[in-house]
Amino acid sequence: MALIALAADKGSPGVTTAAVALAAVWPRRVLLAETDPAGGDLVYRSAAAHGGPLNPNTGMLSIAATARRGLVPDQLWDHVQPLSGGLEVLVGLGIAEQAAGLAGLWPTLGHAFASLADSPHAAADVIADCGRISGDTPALELFPHASLVLLLSRTEPESLARVRDRAAALAGKLHGGPRGAASLANPVIGVVLIADTGTAGKLASQVNDMLVHAQTGARVVGTIADDPAGADQLAGRRRGRLDKSLLIRSARKVAADIHQQYGAAWAASAHAHQASHAHQASHTSQASHTSQASHTSQASQAHQPSQAHRAQPPQHADHAQQSHHVQQTRQTQQTQQPPHVPHQQAGHTQGRAGAGT
């Protein structure tokens, strides 16, 4: 359906925790991508499906060489590792210096992430953990390809002021200027508050009014519980019923609200995109057949056989049968070569974000 980019302006509001929590309860198949140029965290805090550590060299680091030769969305799965709970992850860079290897490739990655939802073999949404985006971080080059940019913020006054100003700056960069709530543009800019559950509803309404009054073009799309115990469970540092934690319950509501508000529009956009590609393919095929038919007719007129030869069977019948057989073989091979990616059931928190996630 979409690429959803998560980021923060300053501080540590819990972007990675929120990204993992949302991915764990996402109602469709999802790929979690650590796209923070400063480096990822999951390789240090999470275990792989085989019980050992994640491979730091398979992920954003390994995809750099592939992307320089062009990147087909399904190739992303070649660099993905499953966590112990089943969540599929594109592991981030080790250190900030490695981001130099991705210079100039961020738009290519953004396009591949956004197009993965249209894959005929292994379609999935992508939740991208972009980390902090103060300054000119290259992760900003992913945002034009996103359907939704979520800015995370805690509820201290200075944090709210920063998220307001960052939303306005992003609106200027992505939309060409500030916009009111009635004229939202793509990508949609949303704010997710990390808040105490007792005051979350009231704060969300107040912050939303502030964003609208400042004409940032952003709106509050939900709140995620400030739940340190749930965050420790999600990271595998603490035992407990993760699916009953405030963190997961609030993340599930945010995911459901996002799909209720934007899911239909994203699905319609994906269908239109697929229909456009099908029309282009059909037009190309028709043009090719027309060209071949014209070429065959001209060749036939230029080499008219004699009356004696017309009674003989055509000399290229075997070649035509072989060509038809090759074409059928290629079509069969194409349909038998989906990526070998383990299928996971969406929305099962306990199975996908258990210990070690």
Foldseek 3Di string as FASTA:
>chain_A
DWEEEEEAADDCLPLPLLLLLLCLQFQWQEEEEAAALFFFDLQPLFDFLVRHGDDQCQAPNVCLVVPVVPDALLCNVVRWTATNLGHIYRHIHHGNVSCVSCVPRLLRVLQSQGCQCLDPFRRHHYYYHHYHCHDPGVNLSSQLSGQEYEYEFEQDPVRLVSVLVVLQVNCCVNVVGFAACVDADPSAYEYEYAYAPVCFVVSQVVSQVVSRVSRSSYHHLFYAYNFPVLSCQLSQNDDDDNCPGSRNVRSNVSSVSCCVVCVVVSVVVSVVVVVVVVVVVVVVVVVVVVVVVVVVVVVCVVDPDDPVCVVPDDPCPVVVVVVVVVVVVVVVVVVVDRDPDDDDRHRPNCSRRGRRD
